[in-house]
Structure formats: structure tokens, C-alpha cells
Amino acid sequence: MVRVEDAVVLVTGGRRGLGAALVDELLRRGARKVYATARQAYPDARPAVVTHALEVRSEESVAALAAMAADVQIVINNAGVLLGGALLSGDIDDVITTFDVNALGPLRVARAFAPILAGNGGGAVVNVHSVLSWLGGAGAYGASKAAIWSITNSLRAELAGQNTQVVGVHAGFIDTDMVAGLAVPKTTPADIATRIVDGLESGAIEVLADDATVQAKAALSGPVENLTFALSH
């Protein structure tokens, strides 16, 4: 079972929103060091926080981070992007970018840090998915989150031999800048961060972070036509 107290943790996309809330929660629970990344370097005056620029689309950027952060015991893949547009009519470059950031980005990070985690006792990988992993109607974003859900499930099997806990997090809409324009019920980043770390420390392999996600997961056994979400703006 993984404990946060005195652990060294990496949070991608840690500058704002859920990532920033995760950094706060990890520090509150006694993490010894938290590496927090964003696409550009940024300041954080807290002694336990080490910020670093990371582009998850770049193998070189991910490798540079891994070389610098060889003491990491827990990896939280939170960085993501939400680009609008339907699958048929949206810009295909936006679709490619969405998959590259939301699905392949966490995979690049997991590949780079898997040997580090193994050398540090196993640790954990936490991948942030979405309730839209299971619901159609959200374009490339939902499809990319379905992809990282599948990737997470395969990583769990591949990393079991090195005693790495792999946690998939599903959450509905979180009150962050990313979805500020959507007229939907939202949960605070702090509440979601608390539930994620609770799940990690309890040994969970899946965290359903809110009621909407619990309901969507339950609907997976029903007719596929019920698994559609219509965004209202």
C-alpha cells in the first residue's frame, strides 16, 4: 500500500486546476517533495515543491524530466487538453493533439518513469481519466479519455510484476478554467484531489470521484445508446 507521507511525487499539469489542488493535498498529507510541471517553467515558493517545464508530447522533454527526478515514487498523470469540435467536422489537427496529450502523453510519462518506480520500490502511477471515457458525445476529448482508460488497464497488468499500483481516476466536471464555459454541475478541485489521494492510499485501482461517475460506470452494463452525453453551453 502506497503512503503519501514522506513520499516523492510527480504531478503533471500541476500549476493550476486539479493539478494545483493535488499538489496542495499531497503537501498537506506530508509528501517530502512534489515535482509539479507545466508547459512553461513557473515559480512556487514552497520549499517542498520543485517546478519543471514539461511538454508531454515530446519524448525528449519527458526523458529530461525523468533524468532530473530519479527519486520519484508516485506519478500522477494529470496534464490534459480540451479542444472543441466534433469528430467529423472539427480540425483534424486538434483531434491529433488531443490524443497526443491526453492518451499518449501519460503513456510517455509512464514509460519513462516505470524503471524509476521499480528502483524505488514500486510506488504508483495515477492516471486522471474522465466520466467522458464512458460517454459518447464529447468529440476527441471523450475518445482520448477512453483511450487512456484502456491504456491504464493494460499498464496495470504490465506493471504488476514490479509492484507498482496503477490507479485510474474517473471524474465528472471539475470547477476549473478548462470547463468554465460549460453550464453543468461541477465539483471543486480540492474535493476531487482529496478523493484521489484517499483512493491511492487505500490501495484502490480505480477512483470514481463523484456521483455522476458512479452513475455512468453503472450504466456500462446497459444499452450502448444510453452512453451519450450532450454538452450544453
C-alpha atoms as a PDB file:
ATOM      1  CA  MET A   1       0.000   0.000   0.000  1.00  0.00           C
ATOM      2  CA  VAL A   2       1.380   3.411  -1.019  1.00  0.00           C
ATOM      3  CA  ARG A   3       1.634   6.194   1.532  1.00  0.00           C
ATOM      4  CA  VAL A   4       1.991   9.869   0.660  1.00  0.00           C
ATOM      5  CA  GLU A   5       3.707  10.867   3.891  1.00  0.00           C
ATOM      6  CA  ASP A   6       7.450  11.358   3.223  1.00  0.00           C
ATOM      7  CA  ALA A   7       6.994  10.288  -0.427  1.00  0.00           C
ATOM      8  CA  VAL A   8       8.346  11.989  -3.544  1.00  0.00           C
ATOM      9  CA  VAL A   9       5.553  12.652  -6.033  1.00  0.00           C
ATOM     10  CA  LEU A  10       5.310  13.915  -9.600  1.00  0.00           C
ATOM     11  CA  VAL A  11       2.176  15.799 -10.683  1.00  0.00           C
ATOM     12  CA  THR A  12       1.963  16.717 -14.358  1.00  0.00           C
ATOM     13  CA  GLY A  13      -0.146  19.759 -15.092  1.00  0.00           C
ATOM     14  CA  GLY A  14       0.421  20.876 -11.511  1.00  0.00           C
ATOM     15  CA  ARG A  15       0.257  24.622 -11.971  1.00  0.00           C
ATOM     16  CA  ARG A  16      -3.494  25.141 -11.796  1.00  0.00           C
ATOM     17  CA  GLY A  17      -6.894  23.478 -11.516  1.00  0.00           C
ATOM     18  CA  LEU A  18      -6.942  19.892 -10.310  1.00  0.00           C
ATOM     19  CA  GLY A  19      -3.157  19.640 -10.583  1.00  0.00           C
ATOM     20  CA  ALA A  20      -2.637  22.545  -8.191  1.00  0.00           C
ATOM     21  CA  ALA A  21      -5.199  21.045  -5.798  1.00  0.00           C
ATOM     22  CA  LEU A  22      -3.342  17.728  -5.920  1.00  0.00           C
ATOM     23  CA  VAL A  23      -0.064  19.446  -5.068  1.00  0.00           C
ATOM     24  CA  ASP A  24      -1.756  21.140  -2.101  1.00  0.00           C
ATOM     25  CA  GLU A  25      -3.312  17.885  -0.885  1.00  0.00           C
ATOM     26  CA  LEU A  26      -0.054  15.951  -1.201  1.00  0.00           C
ATOM     27  CA  LEU A  27       1.787  18.579   0.840  1.00  0.00           C
ATOM     28  CA  ARG A  28      -0.989  18.588   3.425  1.00  0.00           C
ATOM     29  CA  ARG A  29      -0.501  14.836   3.849  1.00  0.00           C
ATOM     30  CA  GLY A  30       3.210  15.170   4.361  1.00  0.00           C
ATOM     31  CA  ALA A  31       4.809  14.495   0.975  1.00  0.00           C
ATOM     32  CA  ARG A  32       8.550  15.126   1.222  1.00  0.00           C
ATOM     33  CA  LYS A  33       8.850  16.554  -2.281  1.00  0.00           C
ATOM     34  CA  VAL A  34       6.423  17.271  -5.113  1.00  0.00           C
ATOM     35  CA  TYR A  35       7.597  17.811  -8.662  1.00  0.00           C
ATOM     36  CA  ALA A  36       4.937  19.922 -10.410  1.00  0.00           C
ATOM     37  CA  THR A  37       5.044  20.504 -14.144  1.00  0.00           C
ATOM     38  CA  ALA A  38       3.553  22.833 -16.705  1.00  0.00           C
ATOM     39  CA  ARG A  39       4.396  23.556 -20.322  1.00  0.00           C
ATOM     40  CA  GLN A  40       6.477  26.524 -19.177  1.00  0.00           C
ATOM     41  CA  ALA A  41       8.563  26.887 -16.027  1.00  0.00           C
ATOM     42  CA  TYR A  42       6.844  28.784 -13.225  1.00  0.00           C
ATOM     43  CA  PRO A  43       7.712  29.831  -9.664  1.00  0.00           C
ATOM     44  CA  ASP A  44       6.491  28.184  -6.449  1.00  0.00           C
ATOM     45  CA  ALA A  45       7.970  29.457  -3.197  1.00  0.00           C
ATOM     46  CA  ARG A  46       7.194  26.350  -1.140  1.00  0.00           C
ATOM     47  CA  PRO A  47      10.437  24.514  -0.310  1.00  0.00           C
ATOM     48  CA  ALA A  48       8.934  21.054  -0.946  1.00  0.00           C
ATOM     49  CA  VAL A  49       7.749  21.946  -4.470  1.00  0.00           C
ATOM     50  CA  VAL A  50      10.078  21.613  -7.459  1.00  0.00           C
ATOM     51  CA  THR A  51       8.592  23.027 -10.642  1.00  0.00           C
ATOM     52  CA  HIS A  52       9.761  21.963 -14.083  1.00  0.00           C
ATOM     53  CA  ALA A  53       8.751  22.614 -17.677  1.00  0.00           C
ATOM     54  CA  LEU A  54       7.275  19.556 -19.386  1.00  0.00           C
ATOM     55  CA  GLU A  55       5.791  19.006 -22.820  1.00  0.00           C
ATOM     56  CA  VAL A  56       4.116  15.604 -22.652  1.00  0.00           C
ATOM     57  CA  ARG A  57       4.070  15.398 -26.469  1.00  0.00           C
ATOM     58  CA  SER A  58       7.873  15.345 -26.531  1.00  0.00           C
ATOM     59  CA  GLU A  59       9.914  12.220 -25.792  1.00  0.00           C
ATOM     60  CA  GLU A  60      12.940  14.450 -25.150  1.00  0.00           C
ATOM     61  CA  SER A  61      11.096  16.632 -22.641  1.00  0.00           C
ATOM     62  CA  VAL A  62       9.763  13.614 -20.753  1.00  0.00           C
ATOM     63  CA  ALA A  63      13.198  11.977 -20.737  1.00  0.00           C
ATOM     64  CA  ALA A  64      14.802  15.148 -19.363  1.00  0.00           C
ATOM     65  CA  LEU A  65      12.291  15.232 -16.527  1.00  0.00           C
ATOM     66  CA  ALA A  66      12.897  11.578 -15.697  1.00  0.00           C
ATOM     67  CA  ALA A  67      16.648  12.138 -15.610  1.00  0.00           C
ATOM     68  CA  MET A  68      16.194  15.015 -13.170  1.00  0.00           C
ATOM     69  CA  ALA A  69      13.526  13.378 -10.985  1.00  0.00           C
ATOM     70  CA  ALA A  70      15.024   9.950 -10.349  1.00  0.00           C
ATOM     71  CA  ASP A  71      13.738   9.903  -6.757  1.00  0.00           C
ATOM     72  CA  VAL A  72      10.036   9.851  -7.724  1.00  0.00           C
ATOM     73  CA  GLN A  73       7.889   7.201  -6.021  1.00  0.00           C
ATOM     74  CA  ILE A  74       4.415   8.247  -7.182  1.00  0.00           C
ATOM     75  CA  VAL A  75       3.486   9.569 -10.635  1.00  0.00           C
ATOM     76  CA  ILE A  76       0.195  11.421 -11.129  1.00  0.00           C
ATOM     77  CA  ASN A  77      -0.604  11.991 -14.808  1.00  0.00           C
ATOM     78  CA  ASN A  78      -2.971  14.939 -14.679  1.00  0.00           C
ATOM     79  CA  ALA A  79      -1.921  17.100 -17.652  1.00  0.00           C
ATOM     80  CA  GLY A  80      -4.595  17.302 -20.323  1.00  0.00           C
ATOM     81  CA  VAL A  81      -6.155  19.432 -23.010  1.00  0.00           C
ATOM     82  CA  LEU A  82      -9.736  20.139 -24.080  1.00  0.00           C
ATOM     83  CA  LEU A  83     -10.118  21.300 -27.673  1.00  0.00           C
ATOM     84  CA  GLY A  84     -13.604  21.816 -29.052  1.00  0.00           C
ATOM     85  CA  GLY A  85     -15.039  20.438 -32.246  1.00  0.00           C
ATOM     86  CA  ALA A  86     -16.888  17.361 -33.420  1.00  0.00           C
ATOM     87  CA  LEU A  87     -15.034  14.305 -34.674  1.00  0.00           C
ATOM     88  CA  LEU A  88     -16.424  14.664 -38.203  1.00  0.00           C
ATOM     89  CA  SER A  89     -16.281  18.426 -38.646  1.00  0.00           C
ATOM     90  CA  GLY A  90     -13.571  19.591 -36.243  1.00  0.00           C
ATOM     91  CA  ASP A  91      -9.984  20.339 -37.175  1.00  0.00           C
ATOM     92  CA  ILE A  92      -8.184  17.005 -37.545  1.00  0.00           C
ATOM     93  CA  ASP A  93      -5.030  18.565 -36.098  1.00  0.00           C
ATOM     94  CA  ASP A  94      -6.979  19.295 -32.899  1.00  0.00           C
ATOM     95  CA  VAL A  95      -8.065  15.652 -32.768  1.00  0.00           C
ATOM     96  CA  ILE A  96      -4.463  14.510 -33.145  1.00  0.00           C
ATOM     97  CA  THR A  97      -3.254  16.954 -30.491  1.00  0.00           C
ATOM     98  CA  THR A  98      -5.964  15.812 -28.086  1.00  0.00           C
ATOM     99  CA  PHE A  99      -4.936  12.170 -28.374  1.00  0.00           C
ATOM    100  CA  ASP A 100      -1.246  13.045 -28.234  1.00  0.00           C
ATOM    101  CA  VAL A 101      -1.655  14.976 -24.967  1.00  0.00           C
ATOM    102  CA  ASN A 102      -4.433  13.057 -23.203  1.00  0.00           C
ATOM    103  CA  ALA A 103      -3.576   9.470 -24.151  1.00  0.00           C
ATOM    104  CA  LEU A 104      -0.023   9.251 -25.441  1.00  0.00           C
ATOM    105  CA  GLY A 105       1.285  11.898 -23.034  1.00  0.00           C
ATOM    106  CA  PRO A 106       0.576   9.842 -19.895  1.00  0.00           C
ATOM    107  CA  LEU A 107       1.939   6.759 -21.662  1.00  0.00           C
ATOM    108  CA  ARG A 108       5.211   8.552 -22.419  1.00  0.00           C
ATOM    109  CA  VAL A 109       5.499   9.577 -18.775  1.00  0.00           C
ATOM    110  CA  ALA A 110       4.667   6.073 -17.541  1.00  0.00           C
ATOM    111  CA  ARG A 111       7.255   4.509 -19.869  1.00  0.00           C
ATOM    112  CA  ALA A 112       9.955   6.914 -18.702  1.00  0.00           C
ATOM    113  CA  PHE A 113       9.216   6.556 -15.000  1.00  0.00           C
ATOM    114  CA  ALA A 114       8.412   2.825 -14.792  1.00  0.00           C
ATOM    115  CA  PRO A 115      12.067   1.841 -14.243  1.00  0.00           C
ATOM    116  CA  ILE A 116      12.468   4.659 -11.727  1.00  0.00           C
ATOM    117  CA  LEU A 117       9.447   3.446  -9.774  1.00  0.00           C
ATOM    118  CA  ALA A 118      10.778  -0.107  -9.890  1.00  0.00           C
ATOM    119  CA  GLY A 119      14.111   1.035  -8.494  1.00  0.00           C
ATOM    120  CA  ASN A 120      12.368   2.969  -5.730  1.00  0.00           C
ATOM    121  CA  GLY A 121      10.248   0.036  -4.542  1.00  0.00           C
ATOM    122  CA  GLY A 122       7.303   0.014  -6.947  1.00  0.00           C
ATOM    123  CA  GLY A 123       5.270   3.040  -5.973  1.00  0.00           C
ATOM    124  CA  ALA A 124       2.264   4.073  -8.006  1.00  0.00           C
ATOM    125  CA  VAL A 125       1.026   5.545 -11.274  1.00  0.00           C
ATOM    126  CA  VAL A 126      -2.212   7.528 -11.132  1.00  0.00           C
ATOM    127  CA  ASN A 127      -3.870   8.441 -14.442  1.00  0.00           C
ATOM    128  CA  VAL A 128      -6.667  11.008 -14.494  1.00  0.00           C
ATOM    129  CA  HIS A 129      -9.434   9.935 -16.877  1.00  0.00           C
ATOM    130  CA  SER A 130     -12.964  11.358 -17.077  1.00  0.00           C
ATOM    131  CA  VAL A 131     -16.584  10.338 -16.850  1.00  0.00           C
ATOM    132  CA  LEU A 132     -16.479  11.024 -20.603  1.00  0.00           C
ATOM    133  CA  SER A 133     -14.247   7.970 -21.001  1.00  0.00           C
ATOM    134  CA  TRP A 134     -17.538   6.072 -20.991  1.00  0.00           C
ATOM    135  CA  LEU A 135     -19.916   8.539 -22.694  1.00  0.00           C
ATOM    136  CA  GLY A 136     -20.146   9.443 -26.370  1.00  0.00           C
ATOM    137  CA  GLY A 137     -20.851  12.983 -27.498  1.00  0.00           C
ATOM    138  CA  ALA A 138     -17.680  14.711 -26.309  1.00  0.00           C
ATOM    139  CA  GLY A 139     -15.691  14.527 -29.532  1.00  0.00           C
ATOM    140  CA  ALA A 140     -11.972  13.883 -29.436  1.00  0.00           C
ATOM    141  CA  TYR A 141     -11.755  14.666 -25.732  1.00  0.00           C
ATOM    142  CA  GLY A 142     -14.036  11.810 -24.698  1.00  0.00           C
ATOM    143  CA  ALA A 143     -12.430   9.444 -27.197  1.00  0.00           C
ATOM    144  CA  SER A 144      -8.952  10.317 -25.898  1.00  0.00           C
ATOM    145  CA  LYS A 145     -10.072   9.694 -22.328  1.00  0.00           C
ATOM    146  CA  ALA A 146     -11.478   6.313 -23.358  1.00  0.00           C
ATOM    147  CA  ALA A 147      -8.058   5.574 -24.834  1.00  0.00           C
ATOM    148  CA  ILE A 148      -6.154   6.463 -21.658  1.00  0.00           C
ATOM    149  CA  TRP A 149      -8.615   4.372 -19.630  1.00  0.00           C
ATOM    150  CA  SER A 150      -7.706   1.363 -21.768  1.00  0.00           C
ATOM    151  CA  ILE A 151      -4.016   2.227 -21.567  1.00  0.00           C
ATOM    152  CA  THR A 152      -4.247   2.419 -17.786  1.00  0.00           C
ATOM    153  CA  ASN A 153      -5.856  -1.011 -17.566  1.00  0.00           C
ATOM    154  CA  SER A 154      -3.066  -2.514 -19.672  1.00  0.00           C
ATOM    155  CA  LEU A 155      -0.363  -0.687 -17.717  1.00  0.00           C
ATOM    156  CA  ARG A 156      -1.809  -2.169 -14.525  1.00  0.00           C
ATOM    157  CA  ALA A 157      -1.159  -5.649 -15.869  1.00  0.00           C
ATOM    158  CA  GLU A 158       2.279  -4.785 -17.257  1.00  0.00           C
ATOM    159  CA  LEU A 159       3.471  -3.070 -14.062  1.00  0.00           C
ATOM    160  CA  ALA A 160       2.102  -5.636 -11.605  1.00  0.00           C
ATOM    161  CA  GLY A 161       5.350  -7.579 -11.677  1.00  0.00           C
ATOM    162  CA  GLN A 162       7.307  -4.632 -10.296  1.00  0.00           C
ATOM    163  CA  ASN A 163       4.758  -3.969  -7.513  1.00  0.00           C
ATOM    164  CA  THR A 164       3.534  -0.678  -8.979  1.00  0.00           C
ATOM    165  CA  GLN A 165      -0.014   0.272  -8.028  1.00  0.00           C
ATOM    166  CA  VAL A 166      -1.854   1.672 -11.057  1.00  0.00           C
ATOM    167  CA  VAL A 167      -4.879   3.838 -10.300  1.00  0.00           C
ATOM    168  CA  GLY A 168      -7.421   5.035 -12.849  1.00  0.00           C
ATOM    169  CA  VAL A 169      -9.346   8.146 -11.802  1.00  0.00           C
ATOM    170  CA  HIS A 170     -12.721   8.976 -13.302  1.00  0.00           C
ATOM    171  CA  ALA A 171     -14.331  12.312 -12.528  1.00  0.00           C
ATOM    172  CA  GLY A 172     -17.167  14.387 -13.884  1.00  0.00           C
ATOM    173  CA  PHE A 173     -16.842  18.112 -14.406  1.00  0.00           C
ATOM    174  CA  ILE A 174     -14.405  19.872 -12.099  1.00  0.00           C
ATOM    175  CA  ASP A 175     -14.663  23.601 -11.415  1.00  0.00           C
ATOM    176  CA  THR A 176     -11.569  24.676 -13.347  1.00  0.00           C
ATOM    177  CA  ASP A 177     -10.753  27.052 -16.189  1.00  0.00           C
ATOM    178  CA  MET A 178     -10.946  24.159 -18.664  1.00  0.00           C
ATOM    179  CA  VAL A 179     -14.725  23.861 -18.349  1.00  0.00           C
ATOM    180  CA  ALA A 180     -15.580  27.354 -17.102  1.00  0.00           C
ATOM    181  CA  GLY A 181     -17.909  27.907 -20.063  1.00  0.00           C
ATOM    182  CA  LEU A 182     -19.985  24.760 -19.570  1.00  0.00           C
ATOM    183  CA  ALA A 183     -23.305  25.022 -17.746  1.00  0.00           C
ATOM    184  CA  VAL A 184     -23.048  21.734 -15.863  1.00  0.00           C
ATOM    185  CA  PRO A 185     -22.760  20.753 -12.178  1.00  0.00           C
ATOM    186  CA  LYS A 186     -19.136  20.862 -11.049  1.00  0.00           C
ATOM    187  CA  THR A 187     -17.097  19.611  -8.101  1.00  0.00           C
ATOM    188  CA  THR A 188     -14.298  21.626  -6.535  1.00  0.00           C
ATOM    189  CA  PRO A 189     -10.731  20.615  -7.403  1.00  0.00           C
ATOM    190  CA  ALA A 190      -9.944  20.263  -3.695  1.00  0.00           C
ATOM    191  CA  ASP A 191     -12.705  17.686  -3.194  1.00  0.00           C
ATOM    192  CA  ILE A 192     -11.565  15.642  -6.199  1.00  0.00           C
ATOM    193  CA  ALA A 193      -7.925  15.812  -5.080  1.00  0.00           C
ATOM    194  CA  THR A 194      -8.872  14.533  -1.636  1.00  0.00           C
ATOM    195  CA  ARG A 195     -10.773  11.592  -3.111  1.00  0.00           C
ATOM    196  CA  ILE A 196      -7.890  10.731  -5.435  1.00  0.00           C
ATOM    197  CA  VAL A 197      -5.333  10.642  -2.635  1.00  0.00           C
ATOM    198  CA  ASP A 198      -7.751   8.755  -0.375  1.00  0.00           C
ATOM    199  CA  GLY A 199      -8.087   6.107  -3.082  1.00  0.00           C
ATOM    200  CA  LEU A 200      -4.350   5.934  -3.676  1.00  0.00           C
ATOM    201  CA  GLU A 201      -3.605   5.417  -0.005  1.00  0.00           C
ATOM    202  CA  SER A 202      -6.376   2.851   0.427  1.00  0.00           C
ATOM    203  CA  GLY A 203      -4.861   0.647  -2.283  1.00  0.00           C
ATOM    204  CA  ALA A 204      -7.595   1.325  -4.844  1.00  0.00           C
ATOM    205  CA  ILE A 205      -7.043   0.646  -8.517  1.00  0.00           C
ATOM    206  CA  GLU A 206      -9.998   2.806  -9.578  1.00  0.00           C
ATOM    207  CA  VAL A 207     -11.384   6.023  -8.117  1.00  0.00           C
ATOM    208  CA  LEU A 208     -14.908   7.136  -9.033  1.00  0.00           C
ATOM    209  CA  ALA A 209     -14.639  10.677  -7.789  1.00  0.00           C
ATOM    210  CA  ASP A 210     -18.264  11.863  -7.864  1.00  0.00           C
ATOM    211  CA  ASP A 211     -21.882  10.715  -8.171  1.00  0.00           C
ATOM    212  CA  ALA A 212     -22.045  11.358 -11.928  1.00  0.00           C
ATOM    213  CA  THR A 213     -19.151   8.990 -12.458  1.00  0.00           C
ATOM    214  CA  VAL A 214     -20.656   6.294 -10.258  1.00  0.00           C
ATOM    215  CA  GLN A 215     -23.874   6.500 -12.296  1.00  0.00           C
ATOM    216  CA  ALA A 216     -22.030   6.374 -15.626  1.00  0.00           C
ATOM    217  CA  LYS A 217     -19.998   3.342 -14.566  1.00  0.00           C
ATOM    218  CA  ALA A 218     -23.182   1.540 -13.547  1.00  0.00           C
ATOM    219  CA  ALA A 219     -24.716   2.291 -16.951  1.00  0.00           C
ATOM    220  CA  LEU A 220     -21.950   0.432 -18.800  1.00  0.00           C
ATOM    221  CA  SER A 221     -23.851  -2.825 -18.432  1.00  0.00           C
ATOM    222  CA  GLY A 222     -26.916  -1.354 -20.131  1.00  0.00           C
ATOM    223  CA  PRO A 223     -27.745  -0.426 -23.757  1.00  0.00           C
ATOM    224  CA  VAL A 224     -24.959   1.411 -25.524  1.00  0.00           C
ATOM    225  CA  GLU A 225     -27.370   4.057 -26.791  1.00  0.00           C
ATOM    226  CA  ASN A 226     -27.701   5.253 -23.192  1.00  0.00           C
ATOM    227  CA  LEU A 227     -23.978   6.068 -23.053  1.00  0.00           C
ATOM    228  CA  THR A 228     -24.193   9.503 -24.652  1.00  0.00           C
ATOM    229  CA  PHE A 229     -23.657  12.877 -23.099  1.00  0.00           C
ATOM    230  CA  ALA A 230     -24.905  16.095 -24.703  1.00  0.00           C
ATOM    231  CA  LEU A 231     -22.963  19.177 -23.642  1.00  0.00           C
ATOM    232  CA  SER A 232     -24.943  22.324 -23.070  1.00  0.00           C
ATOM    233  CA  HIS A 233     -23.199  25.684 -23.287  1.00  0.00           C
END
